[in-house]
Amino acid sequence: MKSIVLYYSRSGENYSGGSIVNLPRGNTAVAADYIRDITGADLFEIEPVKDYPADYEKCTDVAKQELHENARPAVRKMPDDLTEYDTIFIGGPIWWGTYPMPMFSVLENIDWSGKTVMPFSTHEGSGLGDVMRDMKRVCVGADVKPGLAIYGSSVGGAKSNLENWIKNNLK
């Protein structure tokens, strides 16, 4: 089984544990690294061409506007041919109930036929939001497994949760 983690993560100002903190590495990137360590998966970071504002509040305003406009922001690069991958882990923070819009710019351009999809999120109270509904809509032809929601403020201790999730869903 060959796998890849497609993820978006935001370092810098983030909401965590009830306050704004400065993260040297985004929470989803930490979780993606754990998945790579557990499974040997390749990593692909989704990066928008236009960076989000460094200020957390301004970033959330832009994210909310993108969601309401159903925007598909340009990304720096698309993943190469994914035909060699059986399992695709998809991860991102929950912004206004779902993944950030640049993720959909990538995800809507993949042939999901025969793939196993493992969605995960980092959040501070919204769980998976609408991610499962959205992944079932976007990943047509894939076997979308149950997702995993990780509190961003506790991602540093989430490796065992990720191991159990992977073990229980990839049999």
Protein backbone atom coordinates (compact mmCIF):
# COMPACT_ATOMS: atom_id res chain seq x y z
CA MET A 1 0.00 0.00 0.00
CA LYS A 2 1.45 3.35 -1.05
CA SER A 3 0.04 6.45 0.61
CA ILE A 4 0.31 10.23 0.52
CA VAL A 5 -0.84 12.99 2.83
CA LEU A 6 -2.38 16.01 1.08
CA TYR A 7 -2.66 18.80 3.62
CA TYR A 8 -2.92 22.49 4.27
CA SER A 9 -1.49 23.95 7.47
CA ARG A 10 -1.07 27.46 8.83
CA SER A 11 1.81 28.52 11.03
CA GLY A 12 1.99 31.90 12.75
CA GLU A 13 -0.99 33.38 14.57
CA ASN A 14 -3.57 30.71 15.36
CA TYR A 15 -6.37 30.25 17.86
CA SER A 16 -5.34 27.62 20.38
CA GLY A 17 -6.60 26.75 23.83
CA GLY A 18 -8.74 29.87 24.08
CA SER A 19 -6.22 32.45 22.94
CA ILE A 20 -4.17 33.58 19.95
CA VAL A 21 -0.72 31.95 19.88
CA ASN A 22 2.18 32.03 17.46
CA LEU A 23 2.83 28.56 16.06
CA PRO A 24 6.25 27.92 14.50
CA ARG A 25 4.66 24.95 12.66
CA GLY A 26 0.99 24.59 11.89
CA ASN A 27 -1.04 21.96 13.75
CA THR A 28 -2.05 20.07 10.62
CA ALA A 29 1.60 19.88 9.50
CA VAL A 30 2.44 18.26 12.85
CA ALA A 31 -0.33 15.68 12.34
CA ALA A 32 0.81 15.08 8.73
CA ASP A 33 4.35 14.42 9.98
CA TYR A 34 2.99 11.88 12.46
CA ILE A 35 1.08 10.11 9.68
CA ARG A 36 4.28 10.00 7.60
CA ASP A 37 6.16 8.56 10.58
CA ILE A 38 3.47 5.91 11.19
CA THR A 39 2.83 4.86 7.59
CA GLY A 40 5.79 6.00 5.51
CA ALA A 41 3.41 8.15 3.44
CA ASP A 42 4.68 10.85 1.14
CA LEU A 43 3.72 14.44 1.99
CA PHE A 44 2.24 17.12 -0.24
CA GLU A 45 1.54 20.52 1.26
CA ILE A 46 -1.18 22.56 -0.41
CA GLU A 47 0.00 26.16 -0.62
CA PRO A 48 -2.13 29.02 -1.93
CA VAL A 49 -0.44 31.42 -4.35
CA LYS A 50 -1.68 34.35 -2.27
CA ASP A 51 -0.75 33.98 1.40
CA TYR A 52 -3.42 34.55 3.98
CA PRO A 53 -2.97 37.60 6.23
CA ALA A 54 -0.54 36.99 9.09
CA ASP A 55 -3.05 38.49 11.55
CA TYR A 56 -5.38 35.73 12.76
CA GLU A 57 -8.58 37.83 12.73
CA LYS A 58 -7.88 39.12 9.22
CA CYS A 59 -7.13 35.58 8.07
CA THR A 60 -10.47 34.34 9.36
CA ASP A 61 -12.25 37.21 7.59
CA VAL A 62 -10.62 36.24 4.26
CA ALA A 63 -11.41 32.55 4.86
CA LYS A 64 -15.06 33.37 5.60
CA GLN A 65 -15.33 35.46 2.43
CA GLU A 66 -13.78 32.67 0.33
CA LEU A 67 -16.25 30.16 1.77
CA HIS A 68 -19.26 32.39 1.06
CA GLU A 69 -18.03 32.94 -2.51
CA ASN A 70 -17.25 29.21 -2.93
CA ALA A 71 -13.84 30.41 -4.11
CA ARG A 72 -11.13 28.16 -5.49
CA PRO A 73 -7.92 30.12 -4.79
CA ALA A 74 -4.94 29.37 -7.02
CA VAL A 75 -2.32 27.07 -5.50
CA ARG A 76 1.45 27.12 -6.01
CA LYS A 77 1.50 23.59 -7.45
CA MET A 78 -0.72 20.60 -7.95
CA PRO A 79 0.31 17.11 -6.87
CA ASP A 80 1.92 14.96 -9.51
CA ASP A 81 0.12 11.92 -10.87
CA LEU A 82 -1.46 10.10 -7.92
CA THR A 83 -2.19 6.81 -9.70
CA GLU A 84 0.51 5.00 -7.71
CA TYR A 85 -1.18 5.82 -4.40
CA ASP A 86 -3.79 3.53 -2.86
CA THR A 87 -4.50 5.64 0.22
CA ILE A 88 -4.76 9.41 0.36
CA PHE A 89 -4.85 11.11 3.75
CA ILE A 90 -6.47 14.55 3.52
CA GLY A 91 -5.91 17.02 6.32
CA GLY A 92 -6.53 20.61 7.18
CA PRO A 93 -7.80 22.97 9.81
CA ILE A 94 -11.52 23.58 10.08
CA TRP A 95 -12.27 27.11 8.92
CA TRP A 96 -15.93 28.06 9.10
CA GLY A 97 -17.08 24.44 9.14
CA THR A 98 -14.87 22.84 6.51
CA TYR A 99 -11.38 22.75 5.03
CA PRO A 100 -9.82 25.98 3.69
CA MET A 101 -10.86 26.70 0.11
CA PRO A 102 -7.37 26.18 -1.44
CA MET A 103 -7.73 22.51 -0.50
CA PHE A 104 -10.76 22.21 -2.76
CA SER A 105 -8.75 23.82 -5.59
CA VAL A 106 -6.61 20.67 -5.43
CA LEU A 107 -9.08 18.00 -4.31
CA GLU A 108 -11.61 18.72 -7.06
CA ASN A 109 -8.96 17.99 -9.70
CA ILE A 110 -8.04 14.45 -8.66
CA ASP A 111 -9.33 11.16 -10.06
CA TRP A 112 -10.51 9.42 -6.90
CA SER A 113 -11.51 6.13 -8.55
CA GLY A 114 -10.42 3.18 -6.42
CA LYS A 115 -8.68 5.30 -3.77
CA THR A 116 -9.07 5.01 -0.02
CA VAL A 117 -9.51 8.43 1.56
CA MET A 118 -8.67 9.15 5.19
CA PRO A 119 -9.83 12.67 6.18
CA PHE A 120 -8.50 14.37 9.30
CA SER A 121 -8.79 17.82 10.78
CA THR A 122 -7.24 20.03 13.37
CA HIS A 123 -9.64 22.32 15.19
CA GLU A 124 -10.37 24.12 18.43
CA GLY A 125 -13.92 22.94 18.98
CA SER A 126 -15.61 22.29 15.64
CA GLY A 127 -14.50 18.68 15.24
CA LEU A 128 -14.74 17.53 11.63
CA GLY A 129 -17.36 20.16 10.80
CA ASP A 130 -18.77 19.33 7.35
CA VAL A 131 -15.59 17.61 6.16
CA MET A 132 -17.11 14.14 5.85
CA ARG A 133 -20.03 15.41 3.76
CA ASP A 134 -17.65 17.46 1.61
CA MET A 135 -15.18 14.59 1.09
CA LYS A 136 -17.96 12.20 0.06
CA ARG A 137 -19.12 14.84 -2.45
CA VAL A 138 -15.65 15.64 -3.81
CA CYS A 139 -13.94 12.22 -3.70
CA VAL A 140 -16.30 10.46 -6.11
CA GLY A 141 -15.31 6.82 -6.61
CA ALA A 142 -13.24 6.66 -3.41
CA ASP A 143 -13.83 4.67 -0.25
CA VAL A 144 -14.04 7.53 2.25
CA LYS A 145 -13.20 6.18 5.70
CA PRO A 146 -14.31 7.73 9.01
CA GLY A 147 -12.44 10.94 9.73
CA LEU A 148 -10.41 11.96 12.74
CA ALA A 149 -10.67 15.34 14.47
CA ILE A 150 -7.71 16.49 16.56
CA TYR A 151 -7.71 19.47 18.89
CA GLY A 152 -4.96 21.68 17.52
CA SER A 153 -3.86 22.66 21.01
CA SER A 154 -3.20 18.97 21.82
CA VAL A 155 -1.77 17.83 18.46
CA GLY A 156 1.65 17.29 20.07
CA GLY A 157 0.23 14.31 21.97
CA ALA A 158 -1.98 12.95 19.19
CA LYS A 159 0.36 10.38 17.63
CA SER A 160 -1.24 7.41 19.42
CA ASN A 161 -4.73 8.61 18.38
CA LEU A 162 -3.52 8.78 14.79
CA GLU A 163 -1.98 5.29 15.05
CA ASN A 164 -5.26 3.84 16.36
CA TRP A 165 -7.33 5.63 13.71
CA ILE A 166 -5.09 4.32 10.94
CA LYS A 167 -5.01 0.79 12.35
CA ASN A 168 -8.80 0.68 12.78
CA ASN A 169 -9.59 2.01 9.30
CA LEU A 170 -6.90 0.55 7.05
CA LYS A 171 -7.29 -3.19 7.44
